[in-house]
Amino acid sequence: MKSMTGYGKAEYCDEQFKLSVEIKTVNNRFLDLSPKYPRSFLALDDVIRKVVQQKVKRGKADLYISFSRLGESNQVLEIDTALAKAYYNASRSILSEVEGVVDDYTLSSIMKAPDVIKQTQDDLDLEVISKILTETLSNACDSLDKMRVYEGEKLKGDLLSRVDTIEGLVKEIATRAPMVSEEHKEK
C-alpha cells in the first residue's frame, strides 16, 4: 500500500554542474505535474514530464529543479549604455523639477537599475544536461516512491488498528444487544 503524499530529493554535482531535484506529491485522482525549473531547461520540458510520468502515476506533483554551473563558463555582462543614460537623465530631470530632493545618484545606483546590466552565458549542451537531469530526476522519483511506501505502511497500520477497535466494539454490542431488549421490556 502506498500513500499519495510524499517527498523525494536527489542531487548531482561534478566539477561543472550542480543539479538539485525535489518532488512533492499530495492526493489527486490523476497525475497533475507542476514543474518549476530554470528558463534554460525549457527545451527539456518533454523529457522532464516523460521521466516523471514513468515513475509517478497519480497525485498532484510539485517539481522543483535548480541548476548552477560550477566550472568556468563564458559568462558575459551586456551593458545597455542608452538605458543607463536614460536613467541618469531621468534622475537629473527629477532633481531639477522637485524641490528638496538630495542628489545621491551614483554609479552603483545606475548599475542596480533594471536591465542596465544583463548577464548572459554560453548555451548549455542540452544532450549532456538531459542525461544528467534524467538520472537525477529518476533518483528523486525513486526517493519519493520509498517515502510513499513508508507512509502507506504507516496508514495501513493505523487503518488495521482502527478496524480492530471497531471489531471489538461490534463484539461488545453483540453481547449487550440481547440485554438491551430485556431492559426495554422491564421499563
N, C-alpha and C. Protein backbone atom coordinates (compact mmCIF):
# COMPACT_ATOMS: atom_id res chain seq x y z
N MET A 1 0.85 -1.17 0.00
CA MET A 1 0.00 0.00 0.00
C MET A 1 0.90 1.24 0.00
N LYS A 2 0.57 2.20 -0.87
CA LYS A 2 1.33 3.44 -0.97
C LYS A 2 0.45 4.62 -0.60
N SER A 3 1.08 5.57 0.06
CA SER A 3 0.40 6.83 0.35
C SER A 3 0.47 7.70 -0.90
N MET A 4 -0.45 8.63 -1.02
CA MET A 4 -0.39 9.58 -2.13
C MET A 4 0.53 10.75 -1.78
N THR A 5 0.81 10.91 -0.50
CA THR A 5 1.64 12.01 -0.05
C THR A 5 3.08 11.56 0.07
N GLY A 6 3.99 12.37 -0.44
CA GLY A 6 5.39 12.00 -0.32
C GLY A 6 6.31 13.11 -0.78
N TYR A 7 7.59 12.89 -0.53
CA TYR A 7 8.62 13.85 -0.91
C TYR A 7 9.87 13.08 -1.31
N GLY A 8 10.50 13.53 -2.36
CA GLY A 8 11.75 12.91 -2.80
C GLY A 8 12.73 13.96 -3.27
N LYS A 9 14.00 13.68 -3.05
CA LYS A 9 15.04 14.63 -3.45
C LYS A 9 16.25 13.87 -3.96
N ALA A 10 16.91 14.43 -4.96
CA ALA A 10 18.16 13.87 -5.46
C ALA A 10 19.02 15.02 -5.96
N GLU A 11 20.33 14.83 -5.86
CA GLU A 11 21.26 15.86 -6.31
C GLU A 11 22.36 15.25 -7.17
N TYR A 12 22.88 16.07 -8.04
CA TYR A 12 24.02 15.70 -8.87
C TYR A 12 25.01 16.84 -8.78
N CYS A 13 26.28 16.49 -8.64
CA CYS A 13 27.30 17.53 -8.57
C CYS A 13 28.61 16.97 -9.15
N ASP A 14 29.20 17.71 -10.05
CA ASP A 14 30.54 17.39 -10.54
C ASP A 14 31.32 18.70 -10.64
N GLU A 15 32.43 18.70 -11.33
CA GLU A 15 33.25 19.91 -11.40
C GLU A 15 32.61 21.01 -12.25
N GLN A 16 31.60 20.67 -13.06
CA GLN A 16 30.96 21.65 -13.93
C GLN A 16 29.59 22.11 -13.47
N PHE A 17 28.77 21.16 -12.99
CA PHE A 17 27.36 21.46 -12.72
C PHE A 17 26.94 21.01 -11.33
N LYS A 18 25.93 21.68 -10.83
CA LYS A 18 25.23 21.22 -9.64
C LYS A 18 23.75 21.26 -9.96
N LEU A 19 23.09 20.12 -9.77
CA LEU A 19 21.68 19.99 -10.10
C LEU A 19 20.96 19.41 -8.90
N SER A 20 19.85 20.01 -8.54
CA SER A 20 19.05 19.52 -7.42
C SER A 20 17.61 19.37 -7.89
N VAL A 21 17.01 18.21 -7.58
CA VAL A 21 15.63 17.93 -7.97
C VAL A 21 14.85 17.55 -6.72
N GLU A 22 13.72 18.23 -6.51
CA GLU A 22 12.83 17.91 -5.41
C GLU A 22 11.44 17.70 -5.98
N ILE A 23 10.74 16.68 -5.47
CA ILE A 23 9.38 16.41 -5.91
C ILE A 23 8.52 16.13 -4.69
N LYS A 24 7.36 16.76 -4.67
CA LYS A 24 6.42 16.62 -3.55
C LYS A 24 5.07 16.26 -4.13
N THR A 25 4.39 15.28 -3.54
CA THR A 25 3.09 14.88 -4.05
C THR A 25 2.05 14.88 -2.95
N VAL A 26 0.81 15.15 -3.35
CA VAL A 26 -0.36 15.01 -2.49
C VAL A 26 -1.43 14.29 -3.30
N ASN A 27 -2.52 13.92 -2.65
CA ASN A 27 -3.55 13.12 -3.28
C ASN A 27 -4.20 13.83 -4.47
N ASN A 28 -4.37 13.11 -5.53
CA ASN A 28 -5.11 13.57 -6.71
C ASN A 28 -5.44 12.34 -7.54
N ARG A 29 -6.57 12.36 -8.18
CA ARG A 29 -7.02 11.19 -8.93
C ARG A 29 -6.10 10.87 -10.11
N PHE A 30 -5.62 11.90 -10.77
CA PHE A 30 -4.74 11.73 -11.92
C PHE A 30 -3.39 12.37 -11.62
N LEU A 31 -2.43 12.21 -12.51
CA LEU A 31 -1.14 12.88 -12.35
C LEU A 31 -1.28 14.33 -12.81
N ASP A 32 -1.04 15.24 -11.90
CA ASP A 32 -1.08 16.68 -12.19
C ASP A 32 0.30 17.23 -11.84
N LEU A 33 1.15 17.38 -12.84
CA LEU A 33 2.54 17.77 -12.64
C LEU A 33 2.71 19.28 -12.83
N SER A 34 3.31 19.92 -11.83
CA SER A 34 3.62 21.35 -11.89
C SER A 34 5.13 21.53 -11.75
N PRO A 35 5.85 21.54 -12.87
CA PRO A 35 7.32 21.68 -12.78
C PRO A 35 7.75 23.14 -12.72
N LYS A 36 8.78 23.38 -11.93
CA LYS A 36 9.41 24.70 -11.86
C LYS A 36 10.91 24.47 -12.05
N TYR A 37 11.45 25.06 -13.11
CA TYR A 37 12.85 24.84 -13.45
C TYR A 37 13.42 26.09 -14.10
N PRO A 38 14.74 26.14 -14.24
CA PRO A 38 15.36 27.31 -14.88
C PRO A 38 14.88 27.48 -16.32
N ARG A 39 14.87 28.70 -16.75
CA ARG A 39 14.42 29.02 -18.11
C ARG A 39 15.21 28.25 -19.17
N SER A 40 16.48 28.00 -18.89
CA SER A 40 17.33 27.30 -19.86
C SER A 40 16.90 25.83 -20.03
N PHE A 41 16.04 25.31 -19.16
CA PHE A 41 15.57 23.94 -19.25
C PHE A 41 14.25 23.82 -20.03
N LEU A 42 13.78 24.91 -20.58
CA LEU A 42 12.50 24.91 -21.29
C LEU A 42 12.46 23.86 -22.40
N ALA A 43 13.56 23.68 -23.09
CA ALA A 43 13.63 22.70 -24.18
C ALA A 43 13.57 21.27 -23.66
N LEU A 44 13.80 21.09 -22.36
CA LEU A 44 13.79 19.75 -21.75
C LEU A 44 12.47 19.41 -21.07
N ASP A 45 11.47 20.25 -21.25
CA ASP A 45 10.18 20.03 -20.58
C ASP A 45 9.60 18.65 -20.90
N ASP A 46 9.65 18.25 -22.15
CA ASP A 46 9.09 16.96 -22.55
C ASP A 46 9.84 15.80 -21.87
N VAL A 47 11.16 15.91 -21.79
CA VAL A 47 11.98 14.89 -21.13
C VAL A 47 11.59 14.80 -19.65
N ILE A 48 11.47 15.95 -19.01
CA ILE A 48 11.11 16.01 -17.59
C ILE A 48 9.77 15.33 -17.35
N ARG A 49 8.78 15.68 -18.15
CA ARG A 49 7.44 15.10 -17.98
C ARG A 49 7.43 13.59 -18.21
N LYS A 50 8.16 13.12 -19.22
CA LYS A 50 8.19 11.68 -19.50
C LYS A 50 8.81 10.89 -18.36
N VAL A 51 9.90 11.39 -17.79
CA VAL A 51 10.55 10.68 -16.69
C VAL A 51 9.61 10.60 -15.49
N VAL A 52 8.96 11.69 -15.16
CA VAL A 52 8.05 11.69 -14.01
C VAL A 52 6.86 10.79 -14.28
N GLN A 53 6.30 10.84 -15.48
CA GLN A 53 5.13 10.01 -15.81
C GLN A 53 5.44 8.52 -15.77
N GLN A 54 6.69 8.15 -16.05
CA GLN A 54 7.07 6.74 -15.97
C GLN A 54 7.11 6.25 -14.53
N LYS A 55 7.45 7.15 -13.60
CA LYS A 55 7.65 6.77 -12.21
C LYS A 55 6.45 7.08 -11.31
N VAL A 56 5.72 8.14 -11.61
CA VAL A 56 4.62 8.58 -10.75
C VAL A 56 3.34 8.52 -11.58
N LYS A 57 2.38 7.74 -11.12
CA LYS A 57 1.15 7.55 -11.90
C LYS A 57 0.01 8.46 -11.46
N ARG A 58 -0.02 8.81 -10.18
CA ARG A 58 -1.13 9.62 -9.66
C ARG A 58 -0.60 10.65 -8.68
N GLY A 59 -1.41 11.67 -8.46
CA GLY A 59 -1.10 12.66 -7.44
C GLY A 59 -0.82 14.02 -8.05
N LYS A 60 -0.99 15.04 -7.23
CA LYS A 60 -0.59 16.39 -7.63
C LYS A 60 0.87 16.50 -7.25
N ALA A 61 1.71 16.64 -8.24
CA ALA A 61 3.16 16.64 -8.02
C ALA A 61 3.75 18.01 -8.31
N ASP A 62 4.41 18.57 -7.31
CA ASP A 62 5.16 19.81 -7.47
C ASP A 62 6.62 19.42 -7.63
N LEU A 63 7.21 19.86 -8.73
CA LEU A 63 8.59 19.51 -9.05
C LEU A 63 9.44 20.78 -9.10
N TYR A 64 10.54 20.77 -8.36
CA TYR A 64 11.45 21.91 -8.31
C TYR A 64 12.84 21.46 -8.76
N ILE A 65 13.36 22.13 -9.76
CA ILE A 65 14.69 21.82 -10.28
C ILE A 65 15.54 23.07 -10.18
N SER A 66 16.69 22.95 -9.53
CA SER A 66 17.63 24.08 -9.51
C SER A 66 18.93 23.61 -10.16
N PHE A 67 19.57 24.53 -10.83
CA PHE A 67 20.76 24.20 -11.62
C PHE A 67 21.75 25.35 -11.53
N SER A 68 23.02 25.02 -11.35
CA SER A 68 24.05 26.05 -11.39
C SER A 68 25.33 25.47 -11.97
N ARG A 69 26.09 26.35 -12.58
CA ARG A 69 27.39 25.96 -13.14
C ARG A 69 28.46 26.22 -12.09
N LEU A 70 29.37 25.28 -11.97
CA LEU A 70 30.44 25.43 -11.00
C LEU A 70 31.76 25.77 -11.67
N GLY A 71 31.97 25.24 -12.84
CA GLY A 71 33.22 25.48 -13.55
C GLY A 71 33.20 26.81 -14.27
N GLU A 72 34.28 27.10 -14.94
CA GLU A 72 34.34 28.33 -15.71
C GLU A 72 33.38 28.24 -16.89
N SER A 73 32.71 29.33 -17.12
CA SER A 73 31.83 29.38 -18.28
C SER A 73 32.04 30.71 -18.98
N ASN A 74 31.50 30.81 -20.13
CA ASN A 74 31.68 32.03 -20.92
C ASN A 74 30.58 33.03 -20.58
N GLN A 75 30.62 33.53 -19.36
CA GLN A 75 29.61 34.50 -18.95
C GLN A 75 30.06 35.89 -19.38
N VAL A 76 29.11 36.64 -19.90
CA VAL A 76 29.37 37.97 -20.41
C VAL A 76 28.36 38.93 -19.80
N LEU A 77 28.81 40.12 -19.44
CA LEU A 77 27.91 41.15 -18.97
C LEU A 77 27.64 42.10 -20.12
N GLU A 78 26.38 42.24 -20.48
CA GLU A 78 25.99 43.17 -21.54
C GLU A 78 25.49 44.45 -20.87
N ILE A 79 26.02 45.57 -21.31
CA ILE A 79 25.65 46.86 -20.72
C ILE A 79 24.81 47.63 -21.72
N ASP A 80 23.64 48.06 -21.29
CA ASP A 80 22.77 48.88 -22.12
C ASP A 80 23.07 50.34 -21.78
N THR A 81 24.04 50.91 -22.48
CA THR A 81 24.51 52.28 -22.20
C THR A 81 23.39 53.29 -22.42
N ALA A 82 22.58 53.10 -23.45
CA ALA A 82 21.48 54.04 -23.72
C ALA A 82 20.49 54.05 -22.55
N LEU A 83 20.19 52.88 -22.01
CA LEU A 83 19.27 52.81 -20.87
C LEU A 83 19.89 53.44 -19.63
N ALA A 84 21.19 53.24 -19.42
CA ALA A 84 21.89 53.86 -18.29
C ALA A 84 21.82 55.38 -18.40
N LYS A 85 22.03 55.92 -19.61
CA LYS A 85 21.94 57.36 -19.83
C LYS A 85 20.53 57.86 -19.57
N ALA A 86 19.55 57.08 -19.99
CA ALA A 86 18.15 57.47 -19.78
C ALA A 86 17.83 57.52 -18.28
N TYR A 87 18.31 56.56 -17.52
CA TYR A 87 18.11 56.60 -16.06
C TYR A 87 18.79 57.83 -15.47
N TYR A 88 20.01 58.11 -15.92
CA TYR A 88 20.75 59.27 -15.40
C TYR A 88 20.01 60.57 -15.73
N ASN A 89 19.57 60.69 -16.99
CA ASN A 89 18.85 61.90 -17.40
C ASN A 89 17.54 62.04 -16.63
N ALA A 90 16.86 60.94 -16.38
CA ALA A 90 15.61 60.98 -15.61
C ALA A 90 15.90 61.47 -14.19
N SER A 91 17.00 61.02 -13.61
CA SER A 91 17.35 61.46 -12.25
C SER A 91 17.66 62.96 -12.24
N ARG A 92 18.36 63.45 -13.26
CA ARG A 92 18.65 64.89 -13.37
C ARG A 92 17.36 65.69 -13.51
N SER A 93 16.43 65.17 -14.29
CA SER A 93 15.15 65.85 -14.50
C SER A 93 14.36 65.94 -13.20
N ILE A 94 14.33 64.85 -12.45
CA ILE A 94 13.63 64.84 -11.17
C ILE A 94 14.30 65.82 -10.21
N LEU A 95 15.62 65.86 -10.23
CA LEU A 95 16.37 66.75 -9.34
C LEU A 95 16.06 68.22 -9.63
N SER A 96 15.92 68.55 -10.91
CA SER A 96 15.65 69.95 -11.26
C SER A 96 14.18 70.32 -11.06
N GLU A 97 13.29 69.37 -11.13
CA GLU A 97 11.86 69.64 -11.04
C GLU A 97 11.30 69.58 -9.63
N VAL A 98 11.89 68.81 -8.78
CA VAL A 98 11.34 68.60 -7.43
C VAL A 98 12.25 69.26 -6.41
N GLU A 99 11.69 70.19 -5.65
CA GLU A 99 12.47 70.89 -4.64
C GLU A 99 12.76 69.99 -3.45
N GLY A 100 13.92 70.18 -2.87
CA GLY A 100 14.26 69.47 -1.65
C GLY A 100 14.81 68.07 -1.84
N VAL A 101 14.91 67.63 -3.07
CA VAL A 101 15.44 66.30 -3.34
C VAL A 101 16.96 66.37 -3.29
N VAL A 102 17.56 65.44 -2.57
CA VAL A 102 19.02 65.39 -2.45
C VAL A 102 19.56 64.46 -3.52
N ASP A 103 20.64 64.86 -4.19
CA ASP A 103 21.24 64.05 -5.24
C ASP A 103 22.15 63.00 -4.60
N ASP A 104 21.68 61.76 -4.62
CA ASP A 104 22.51 60.66 -4.12
C ASP A 104 22.68 59.59 -5.20
N TYR A 105 22.49 60.00 -6.46
CA TYR A 105 22.58 59.06 -7.58
C TYR A 105 24.05 58.81 -7.89
N THR A 106 24.45 57.52 -7.85
CA THR A 106 25.85 57.15 -8.05
C THR A 106 25.95 56.11 -9.15
N LEU A 107 27.17 55.75 -9.48
CA LEU A 107 27.40 54.70 -10.45
C LEU A 107 26.74 53.40 -10.00
N SER A 108 26.82 53.11 -8.71
CA SER A 108 26.18 51.90 -8.17
C SER A 108 24.68 51.93 -8.39
N SER A 109 24.08 53.11 -8.25
CA SER A 109 22.64 53.25 -8.48
C SER A 109 22.28 52.91 -9.92
N ILE A 110 23.08 53.42 -10.84
CA ILE A 110 22.82 53.15 -12.26
C ILE A 110 22.99 51.66 -12.55
N MET A 111 24.03 51.04 -11.97
CA MET A 111 24.28 49.61 -12.22
C MET A 111 23.17 48.73 -11.66
N LYS A 112 22.50 49.19 -10.60
CA LYS A 112 21.42 48.41 -9.98
C LYS A 112 20.08 48.62 -10.67
N ALA A 113 19.99 49.62 -11.54
CA ALA A 113 18.73 49.89 -12.24
C ALA A 113 18.37 48.70 -13.13
N PRO A 114 17.07 48.41 -13.24
CA PRO A 114 16.64 47.24 -14.02
C PRO A 114 17.12 47.26 -15.47
N ASP A 115 17.67 46.16 -15.90
CA ASP A 115 18.04 45.90 -17.30
C ASP A 115 19.23 46.71 -17.82
N VAL A 116 19.92 47.47 -16.96
CA VAL A 116 21.11 48.18 -17.42
C VAL A 116 22.22 47.17 -17.68
N ILE A 117 22.37 46.20 -16.77
CA ILE A 117 23.38 45.16 -16.94
C ILE A 117 22.67 43.82 -17.00
N LYS A 118 22.94 43.08 -18.05
CA LYS A 118 22.35 41.75 -18.22
C LYS A 118 23.48 40.74 -18.30
N GLN A 119 23.29 39.64 -17.61
CA GLN A 119 24.29 38.58 -17.62
C GLN A 119 23.86 37.52 -18.62
N THR A 120 24.74 37.19 -19.53
CA THR A 120 24.47 36.13 -20.50
C THR A 120 25.60 35.11 -20.39
N GLN A 121 25.32 33.91 -20.81
CA GLN A 121 26.34 32.87 -20.78
C GLN A 121 26.20 31.99 -21.99
N ASP A 122 27.22 31.19 -22.22
CA ASP A 122 27.19 30.31 -23.38
C ASP A 122 26.04 29.32 -23.23
N ASP A 123 25.60 28.81 -24.35
CA ASP A 123 24.48 27.87 -24.34
C ASP A 123 24.87 26.55 -23.69
N LEU A 124 23.90 25.94 -23.04
CA LEU A 124 24.12 24.65 -22.40
C LEU A 124 24.14 23.54 -23.44
N ASP A 125 24.92 22.53 -23.21
CA ASP A 125 24.88 21.34 -24.05
C ASP A 125 23.70 20.51 -23.55
N LEU A 126 22.56 20.65 -24.20
CA LEU A 126 21.32 20.03 -23.72
C LEU A 126 21.38 18.51 -23.71
N GLU A 127 22.18 17.93 -24.59
CA GLU A 127 22.29 16.47 -24.61
C GLU A 127 22.94 15.97 -23.32
N VAL A 128 24.00 16.63 -22.89
CA VAL A 128 24.69 16.26 -21.65
C VAL A 128 23.77 16.52 -20.45
N ILE A 129 23.17 17.71 -20.44
CA ILE A 129 22.28 18.09 -19.33
C ILE A 129 21.08 17.14 -19.27
N SER A 130 20.57 16.73 -20.42
CA SER A 130 19.42 15.83 -20.46
C SER A 130 19.73 14.50 -19.77
N LYS A 131 20.92 13.95 -20.02
CA LYS A 131 21.32 12.70 -19.38
C LYS A 131 21.41 12.87 -17.86
N ILE A 132 22.08 13.94 -17.44
CA ILE A 132 22.25 14.20 -16.01
C ILE A 132 20.88 14.42 -15.36
N LEU A 133 20.04 15.21 -16.02
CA LEU A 133 18.71 15.52 -15.49
C LEU A 133 17.84 14.27 -15.40
N THR A 134 17.88 13.43 -16.43
CA THR A 134 17.08 12.20 -16.44
C THR A 134 17.46 11.30 -15.27
N GLU A 135 18.74 11.12 -15.04
CA GLU A 135 19.21 10.27 -13.95
C GLU A 135 18.83 10.86 -12.58
N THR A 136 19.06 12.14 -12.41
CA THR A 136 18.78 12.79 -11.13
C THR A 136 17.28 12.81 -10.86
N LEU A 137 16.50 13.10 -11.87
CA LEU A 137 15.04 13.11 -11.74
C LEU A 137 14.51 11.73 -11.40
N SER A 138 15.07 10.72 -12.04
CA SER A 138 14.68 9.33 -11.76
C SER A 138 15.01 8.97 -10.32
N ASN A 139 16.17 9.39 -9.83
CA ASN A 139 16.55 9.13 -8.43
C ASN A 139 15.61 9.83 -7.45
N ALA A 140 15.21 11.06 -7.78
CA ALA A 140 14.28 11.79 -6.92
C ALA A 140 12.92 11.09 -6.87
N CYS A 141 12.48 10.58 -8.02
CA CYS A 141 11.20 9.85 -8.07
C CYS A 141 11.29 8.55 -7.28
N ASP A 142 12.44 7.87 -7.34
CA ASP A 142 12.64 6.65 -6.55
C ASP A 142 12.60 6.97 -5.06
N SER A 143 13.21 8.08 -4.68
CA SER A 143 13.19 8.53 -3.29
C SER A 143 11.75 8.85 -2.86
N LEU A 144 11.00 9.49 -3.73
CA LEU A 144 9.58 9.77 -3.48
C LEU A 144 8.81 8.48 -3.28
N ASP A 145 9.05 7.51 -4.15
CA ASP A 145 8.34 6.24 -4.06
C ASP A 145 8.61 5.52 -2.74
N LYS A 146 9.86 5.55 -2.28
CA LYS A 146 10.20 4.94 -0.99
C LYS A 146 9.43 5.60 0.14
N MET A 147 9.34 6.91 0.10
CA MET A 147 8.61 7.60 1.15
C MET A 147 7.12 7.28 1.08
N ARG A 148 6.58 7.19 -0.13
CA ARG A 148 5.15 6.87 -0.28
C ARG A 148 4.85 5.46 0.23
N VAL A 149 5.77 4.52 0.00
CA VAL A 149 5.60 3.16 0.53
C VAL A 149 5.65 3.19 2.05
N TYR A 150 6.61 3.90 2.61
CA TYR A 150 6.74 4.01 4.07
C TYR A 150 5.48 4.64 4.68
N GLU A 151 5.02 5.73 4.09
CA GLU A 151 3.80 6.39 4.57
C GLU A 151 2.59 5.48 4.41
N GLY A 152 2.55 4.72 3.31
CA GLY A 152 1.45 3.78 3.08
C GLY A 152 1.41 2.70 4.14
N GLU A 153 2.56 2.19 4.54
CA GLU A 153 2.60 1.17 5.60
C GLU A 153 2.13 1.75 6.94
N LYS A 154 2.48 3.00 7.20
CA LYS A 154 2.00 3.64 8.43
C LYS A 154 0.48 3.80 8.38
N LEU A 155 -0.04 4.20 7.22
CA LEU A 155 -1.50 4.33 7.07
C LEU A 155 -2.19 2.98 7.22
N LYS A 156 -1.59 1.96 6.63
CA LYS A 156 -2.15 0.61 6.72
C LYS A 156 -2.21 0.16 8.18
N GLY A 157 -1.14 0.38 8.93
CA GLY A 157 -1.12 0.03 10.35
C GLY A 157 -2.19 0.78 11.12
N ASP A 158 -2.36 2.06 10.83
CA ASP A 158 -3.37 2.85 11.51
C ASP A 158 -4.77 2.34 11.18
N LEU A 159 -5.01 2.05 9.90
CA LEU A 159 -6.32 1.53 9.49
C LEU A 159 -6.62 0.18 10.15
N LEU A 160 -5.62 -0.70 10.18
CA LEU A 160 -5.83 -2.01 10.81
C LEU A 160 -6.12 -1.89 12.30
N SER A 161 -5.45 -0.97 12.98
CA SER A 161 -5.73 -0.80 14.40
C SER A 161 -7.14 -0.25 14.60
N ARG A 162 -7.59 0.60 13.71
CA ARG A 162 -8.96 1.12 13.80
C ARG A 162 -9.98 0.02 13.52
N VAL A 163 -9.67 -0.86 12.57
CA VAL A 163 -10.55 -2.00 12.28
C VAL A 163 -10.65 -2.89 13.52
N ASP A 164 -9.52 -3.14 14.18
CA ASP A 164 -9.52 -3.95 15.40
C ASP A 164 -10.40 -3.31 16.47
N THR A 165 -10.30 -1.99 16.61
CA THR A 165 -11.12 -1.27 17.59
C THR A 165 -12.60 -1.42 17.25
N ILE A 166 -12.93 -1.25 15.99
CA ILE A 166 -14.33 -1.36 15.55
C ILE A 166 -14.85 -2.78 15.77
N GLU A 167 -14.03 -3.78 15.44
CA GLU A 167 -14.45 -5.17 15.66
C GLU A 167 -14.70 -5.44 17.13
N GLY A 168 -13.85 -4.91 18.01
CA GLY A 168 -14.06 -5.07 19.46
C GLY A 168 -15.35 -4.43 19.90
N LEU A 169 -15.66 -3.25 19.38
CA LEU A 169 -16.92 -2.58 19.72
C LEU A 169 -18.12 -3.34 19.20
N VAL A 170 -18.01 -3.92 18.01
CA VAL A 170 -19.10 -4.72 17.43
C VAL A 170 -19.37 -5.94 18.31
N LYS A 171 -18.31 -6.61 18.79
CA LYS A 171 -18.47 -7.78 19.66
C LYS A 171 -19.14 -7.37 20.97
N GLU A 172 -18.73 -6.24 21.50
CA GLU A 172 -19.32 -5.75 22.74
C GLU A 172 -20.80 -5.44 22.55
N ILE A 173 -21.14 -4.83 21.42
CA ILE A 173 -22.54 -4.53 21.11
C ILE A 173 -23.33 -5.82 20.95
N ALA A 174 -22.72 -6.79 20.27
CA ALA A 174 -23.41 -8.07 20.04
C ALA A 174 -23.72 -8.77 21.36
N THR A 175 -22.83 -8.69 22.33
CA THR A 175 -23.10 -9.35 23.62
C THR A 175 -24.12 -8.55 24.44
N ARG A 176 -24.18 -7.24 24.28
CA ARG A 176 -25.12 -6.43 25.04
C ARG A 176 -26.48 -6.32 24.37
N ALA A 177 -26.58 -6.59 23.08
CA ALA A 177 -27.83 -6.42 22.34
C ALA A 177 -29.00 -7.18 22.97
N PRO A 178 -28.85 -8.45 23.32
CA PRO A 178 -29.99 -9.15 23.92
C PRO A 178 -30.40 -8.53 25.27
N MET A 179 -29.46 -8.02 26.01
CA MET A 179 -29.77 -7.41 27.30
C MET A 179 -30.52 -6.10 27.13
N VAL A 180 -30.26 -5.38 26.07
CA VAL A 180 -30.90 -4.10 25.84
C VAL A 180 -32.39 -4.30 25.63
N SER A 181 -32.78 -5.32 24.86
CA SER A 181 -34.21 -5.54 24.61
C SER A 181 -34.91 -5.98 25.91
N GLU A 182 -34.23 -6.75 26.74
CA GLU A 182 -34.80 -7.14 28.03
C GLU A 182 -34.97 -5.92 28.94
N GLU A 183 -34.00 -5.04 28.93
CA GLU A 183 -34.07 -3.82 29.75
C GLU A 183 -35.24 -2.95 29.29
N HIS A 184 -35.48 -2.88 27.99
CA HIS A 184 -36.62 -2.10 27.48
C HIS A 184 -37.93 -2.72 27.88
N LYS A 185 -38.00 -4.05 27.88
CA LYS A 185 -39.24 -4.74 28.27
C LYS A 185 -39.54 -4.44 29.74
N GLU A 186 -38.50 -4.47 30.59
CA GLU A 186 -38.69 -4.21 32.02
C GLU A 186 -39.16 -2.79 32.27
N LYS A 187 -38.64 -1.83 31.51
CA LYS A 187 -39.07 -0.43 31.67
C LYS A 187 -40.49 -0.26 31.24
